[in-house]
């Protein structure tokens, strides 16, 4: 579990650099990865939930995705696809 967490942190930094995320966008994505709601993220960042939603929308645009889960997929997905050697990593039937 700790190893996964460590790899996740490196991946977030790489993703942030790749997509040009600001520090606050990166912080928002980190909380999103941890499973927090917009309201919970807002409390932790001491900002409005609407500002969190705006950060999430900006991240979606930068990552070319349309959902919160799409953000997660951009971070977690590439690792799965690279390890399996498959495009999606889902068809292992």
N, C-alpha and C. Protein backbone atom coordinates (compact mmCIF):
# COMPACT_ATOMS: atom_id res chain seq x y z
N UNK A 1 0.82 -1.19 0.00
CA UNK A 1 0.00 0.00 0.00
C UNK A 1 0.87 1.26 0.00
N UNK A 2 1.91 1.30 0.79
CA UNK A 2 2.79 2.47 0.81
C UNK A 2 3.49 2.65 -0.52
N UNK A 3 3.89 1.54 -1.13
CA UNK A 3 4.57 1.61 -2.41
C UNK A 3 3.65 2.24 -3.47
N UNK A 4 2.40 1.84 -3.47
CA UNK A 4 1.44 2.39 -4.42
C UNK A 4 1.29 3.89 -4.20
N UNK A 5 1.20 4.30 -2.95
CA UNK A 5 1.07 5.71 -2.61
C UNK A 5 2.27 6.49 -3.13
N UNK A 6 3.46 5.93 -2.96
CA UNK A 6 4.69 6.56 -3.41
C UNK A 6 4.68 6.72 -4.93
N UNK A 7 4.32 5.66 -5.65
CA UNK A 7 4.25 5.72 -7.10
C UNK A 7 3.21 6.73 -7.55
N UNK A 8 2.10 6.83 -6.81
CA UNK A 8 1.04 7.75 -7.14
C UNK A 8 1.56 9.19 -7.08
N UNK A 9 2.34 9.52 -6.06
CA UNK A 9 2.86 10.87 -5.90
C UNK A 9 3.76 11.24 -7.06
N UNK A 10 4.62 10.33 -7.47
CA UNK A 10 5.50 10.58 -8.61
C UNK A 10 4.67 10.78 -9.87
N UNK A 11 3.65 9.96 -10.05
CA UNK A 11 2.81 10.05 -11.23
C UNK A 11 2.08 11.38 -11.27
N UNK A 12 1.59 11.85 -10.14
CA UNK A 12 0.89 13.14 -10.11
C UNK A 12 1.83 14.26 -10.52
N UNK A 13 3.06 14.23 -10.04
CA UNK A 13 4.04 15.25 -10.43
C UNK A 13 4.31 15.19 -11.94
N UNK A 14 4.46 14.00 -12.47
CA UNK A 14 4.69 13.83 -13.91
C UNK A 14 3.49 14.30 -14.72
N UNK A 15 2.30 13.92 -14.27
CA UNK A 15 1.08 14.33 -14.96
C UNK A 15 0.92 15.85 -14.90
N UNK A 16 1.22 16.42 -13.75
CA UNK A 16 1.11 17.87 -13.59
C UNK A 16 2.03 18.60 -14.56
N UNK A 17 3.23 18.10 -14.68
CA UNK A 17 4.19 18.71 -15.61
C UNK A 17 3.73 18.51 -17.05
N UNK A 18 3.29 17.31 -17.35
CA UNK A 18 2.86 16.97 -18.72
C UNK A 18 1.68 17.83 -19.18
N UNK A 19 0.72 18.09 -18.28
CA UNK A 19 -0.48 18.82 -18.65
C UNK A 19 -0.45 20.28 -18.21
N UNK A 20 0.64 20.71 -17.59
CA UNK A 20 0.78 22.10 -17.19
C UNK A 20 -0.17 22.53 -16.08
N UNK A 21 -0.34 21.66 -15.09
CA UNK A 21 -1.23 21.99 -13.98
C UNK A 21 -0.55 22.95 -13.01
N UNK A 22 -1.35 23.87 -12.48
CA UNK A 22 -0.85 24.78 -11.45
C UNK A 22 -0.73 24.02 -10.14
N UNK A 23 -0.11 24.64 -9.16
CA UNK A 23 0.04 24.01 -7.84
C UNK A 23 -1.33 23.72 -7.23
N UNK A 24 -2.27 24.65 -7.36
CA UNK A 24 -3.60 24.46 -6.78
C UNK A 24 -4.39 23.38 -7.53
N UNK A 25 -4.22 23.33 -8.84
CA UNK A 25 -4.86 22.25 -9.61
C UNK A 25 -4.29 20.90 -9.21
N UNK A 26 -2.98 20.86 -9.03
CA UNK A 26 -2.33 19.62 -8.60
C UNK A 26 -2.83 19.20 -7.22
N UNK A 27 -2.96 20.14 -6.32
CA UNK A 27 -3.46 19.86 -4.98
C UNK A 27 -4.90 19.31 -5.06
N UNK A 28 -5.70 19.92 -5.92
CA UNK A 28 -7.09 19.47 -6.11
C UNK A 28 -7.12 18.04 -6.64
N UNK A 29 -6.27 17.74 -7.61
CA UNK A 29 -6.21 16.39 -8.18
C UNK A 29 -5.78 15.38 -7.12
N UNK A 30 -4.84 15.76 -6.28
CA UNK A 30 -4.39 14.86 -5.21
C UNK A 30 -5.56 14.49 -4.30
N UNK A 31 -6.34 15.48 -3.89
CA UNK A 31 -7.50 15.21 -3.03
C UNK A 31 -8.54 14.38 -3.78
N UNK A 32 -8.71 14.66 -5.07
CA UNK A 32 -9.64 13.90 -5.90
C UNK A 32 -9.24 12.43 -5.94
N UNK A 33 -7.95 12.18 -6.08
CA UNK A 33 -7.43 10.80 -6.08
C UNK A 33 -7.68 10.10 -4.75
N UNK A 34 -7.69 10.87 -3.69
CA UNK A 34 -7.92 10.30 -2.36
C UNK A 34 -9.40 10.06 -2.09
N UNK A 35 -10.26 10.45 -3.06
CA UNK A 35 -11.68 10.15 -2.95
C UNK A 35 -12.54 11.20 -2.28
N UNK A 36 -12.00 12.40 -2.10
CA UNK A 36 -12.77 13.46 -1.44
C UNK A 36 -13.77 14.09 -2.40
N UNK A 37 -14.89 14.56 -1.86
CA UNK A 37 -15.88 15.30 -2.64
C UNK A 37 -15.40 16.73 -2.82
N UNK A 38 -16.07 17.47 -3.69
CA UNK A 38 -15.71 18.88 -3.89
C UNK A 38 -15.82 19.67 -2.60
N UNK A 39 -16.87 19.38 -1.83
CA UNK A 39 -17.07 20.09 -0.57
C UNK A 39 -15.94 19.78 0.41
N UNK A 40 -15.54 18.51 0.49
CA UNK A 40 -14.44 18.12 1.38
C UNK A 40 -13.11 18.73 0.93
N UNK A 41 -12.89 18.75 -0.38
CA UNK A 41 -11.67 19.36 -0.92
C UNK A 41 -11.64 20.84 -0.57
N UNK A 42 -12.79 21.50 -0.73
CA UNK A 42 -12.89 22.93 -0.44
C UNK A 42 -12.53 23.21 1.02
N UNK A 43 -13.02 22.39 1.93
CA UNK A 43 -12.72 22.59 3.34
C UNK A 43 -11.22 22.44 3.61
N UNK A 44 -10.60 21.46 3.00
CA UNK A 44 -9.17 21.22 3.21
C UNK A 44 -8.30 22.32 2.58
N UNK A 45 -8.75 22.85 1.44
CA UNK A 45 -7.99 23.89 0.75
C UNK A 45 -8.38 25.30 1.20
N UNK A 46 -9.42 25.37 2.05
CA UNK A 46 -9.93 26.65 2.55
C UNK A 46 -10.39 27.57 1.42
N UNK A 47 -11.16 26.98 0.49
CA UNK A 47 -11.73 27.72 -0.64
C UNK A 47 -13.19 27.29 -0.81
N UNK A 48 -13.88 27.95 -1.69
CA UNK A 48 -15.28 27.64 -1.97
C UNK A 48 -15.40 26.34 -2.78
N UNK A 49 -16.47 25.56 -2.56
CA UNK A 49 -16.70 24.37 -3.39
C UNK A 49 -16.80 24.72 -4.88
N UNK A 50 -17.32 25.91 -5.18
CA UNK A 50 -17.39 26.33 -6.59
C UNK A 50 -16.01 26.55 -7.18
N UNK A 51 -15.07 27.03 -6.38
CA UNK A 51 -13.69 27.19 -6.85
C UNK A 51 -13.06 25.83 -7.11
N UNK A 52 -13.36 24.86 -6.25
CA UNK A 52 -12.87 23.49 -6.47
C UNK A 52 -13.41 22.97 -7.79
N UNK A 53 -14.70 23.17 -8.02
CA UNK A 53 -15.31 22.71 -9.28
C UNK A 53 -14.66 23.38 -10.48
N UNK A 54 -14.32 24.67 -10.32
CA UNK A 54 -13.64 25.38 -11.41
C UNK A 54 -12.26 24.78 -11.67
N UNK A 55 -11.51 24.48 -10.59
CA UNK A 55 -10.20 23.83 -10.75
C UNK A 55 -10.36 22.50 -11.48
N UNK A 56 -11.36 21.72 -11.08
CA UNK A 56 -11.58 20.41 -11.69
C UNK A 56 -11.91 20.57 -13.18
N UNK A 57 -12.74 21.56 -13.51
CA UNK A 57 -13.07 21.80 -14.93
C UNK A 57 -11.82 22.20 -15.72
N UNK A 58 -10.96 23.04 -15.13
CA UNK A 58 -9.73 23.44 -15.80
C UNK A 58 -8.82 22.23 -16.04
N UNK A 59 -8.73 21.37 -15.04
CA UNK A 59 -7.92 20.15 -15.17
C UNK A 59 -8.50 19.26 -16.28
N UNK A 60 -9.82 19.14 -16.32
CA UNK A 60 -10.46 18.33 -17.37
C UNK A 60 -10.10 18.84 -18.76
N UNK A 61 -10.14 20.17 -18.92
CA UNK A 61 -9.81 20.77 -20.21
C UNK A 61 -8.35 20.48 -20.56
N UNK A 62 -7.46 20.67 -19.59
CA UNK A 62 -6.03 20.44 -19.84
C UNK A 62 -5.73 18.98 -20.17
N UNK A 63 -6.48 18.06 -19.56
CA UNK A 63 -6.25 16.63 -19.77
C UNK A 63 -7.11 16.05 -20.89
N UNK A 64 -7.97 16.90 -21.46
CA UNK A 64 -8.86 16.48 -22.55
C UNK A 64 -9.78 15.33 -22.12
N UNK A 65 -10.37 15.48 -20.95
CA UNK A 65 -11.36 14.51 -20.45
C UNK A 65 -12.61 15.29 -20.07
N UNK A 66 -13.72 14.58 -19.86
CA UNK A 66 -14.98 15.27 -19.57
C UNK A 66 -15.58 14.89 -18.21
N UNK A 67 -14.89 14.06 -17.44
CA UNK A 67 -15.40 13.65 -16.13
C UNK A 67 -14.29 13.62 -15.10
N UNK A 68 -14.72 13.62 -13.83
CA UNK A 68 -13.76 13.49 -12.74
C UNK A 68 -13.02 12.15 -12.84
N UNK A 69 -13.77 11.11 -13.19
CA UNK A 69 -13.13 9.79 -13.32
C UNK A 69 -12.15 9.76 -14.49
N UNK A 70 -12.39 10.63 -15.47
CA UNK A 70 -11.44 10.74 -16.59
C UNK A 70 -10.09 11.25 -16.12
N UNK A 71 -10.11 12.16 -15.15
CA UNK A 71 -8.86 12.67 -14.56
C UNK A 71 -8.12 11.51 -13.90
N UNK A 72 -8.84 10.73 -13.11
CA UNK A 72 -8.24 9.58 -12.44
C UNK A 72 -7.68 8.61 -13.46
N UNK A 73 -8.44 8.37 -14.52
CA UNK A 73 -8.00 7.46 -15.58
C UNK A 73 -6.70 7.90 -16.24
N UNK A 74 -6.54 9.21 -16.43
CA UNK A 74 -5.30 9.72 -17.03
C UNK A 74 -4.10 9.46 -16.13
N UNK A 75 -4.34 9.39 -14.82
CA UNK A 75 -3.25 9.18 -13.87
C UNK A 75 -3.00 7.70 -13.63
N UNK A 76 -4.06 6.95 -13.41
CA UNK A 76 -3.92 5.53 -13.09
C UNK A 76 -3.84 4.67 -14.35
N UNK A 77 -4.62 5.03 -15.36
CA UNK A 77 -4.72 4.25 -16.59
C UNK A 77 -3.41 3.95 -17.30
N UNK A 78 -2.56 4.97 -17.53
CA UNK A 78 -1.32 4.72 -18.25
C UNK A 78 -0.44 3.67 -17.59
N UNK A 79 -0.42 3.63 -16.26
CA UNK A 79 0.39 2.62 -15.57
C UNK A 79 -0.14 1.23 -15.85
N UNK A 80 -1.45 1.06 -15.83
CA UNK A 80 -2.06 -0.25 -16.07
C UNK A 80 -1.77 -0.68 -17.50
N UNK A 81 -1.99 0.23 -18.46
CA UNK A 81 -1.78 -0.10 -19.86
C UNK A 81 -0.34 -0.45 -20.17
N UNK A 82 0.60 0.27 -19.57
CA UNK A 82 2.02 0.02 -19.82
C UNK A 82 2.46 -1.31 -19.23
N UNK A 83 1.94 -1.63 -18.04
CA UNK A 83 2.34 -2.87 -17.39
C UNK A 83 1.84 -4.10 -18.13
N UNK A 84 0.62 -4.01 -18.65
CA UNK A 84 0.02 -5.17 -19.30
C UNK A 84 0.42 -5.28 -20.77
N UNK A 85 0.87 -4.14 -21.33
CA UNK A 85 1.23 -4.14 -22.73
C UNK A 85 0.01 -4.05 -23.63
N UNK A 86 -1.16 -3.89 -23.04
CA UNK A 86 -2.41 -3.78 -23.80
C UNK A 86 -2.83 -2.31 -23.85
N UNK A 87 -3.68 -2.00 -24.82
CA UNK A 87 -4.16 -0.64 -24.97
C UNK A 87 -5.00 -0.19 -23.80
N UNK A 88 -5.94 -1.01 -23.37
CA UNK A 88 -6.83 -0.58 -22.29
C UNK A 88 -6.54 -1.26 -20.98
N UNK A 89 -6.03 -2.47 -21.00
CA UNK A 89 -5.74 -3.18 -19.78
C UNK A 89 -6.96 -3.80 -19.12
N UNK A 90 -8.11 -3.77 -19.84
CA UNK A 90 -9.33 -4.27 -19.23
C UNK A 90 -9.71 -5.68 -19.72
N UNK A 91 -9.34 -6.06 -20.91
CA UNK A 91 -9.79 -7.35 -21.44
C UNK A 91 -8.78 -8.44 -21.14
N UNK A 92 -8.99 -9.09 -19.99
CA UNK A 92 -8.10 -10.16 -19.58
C UNK A 92 -8.85 -11.46 -19.42
N UNK A 93 -10.11 -11.48 -19.90
CA UNK A 93 -11.04 -12.58 -19.78
C UNK A 93 -10.48 -13.87 -19.70
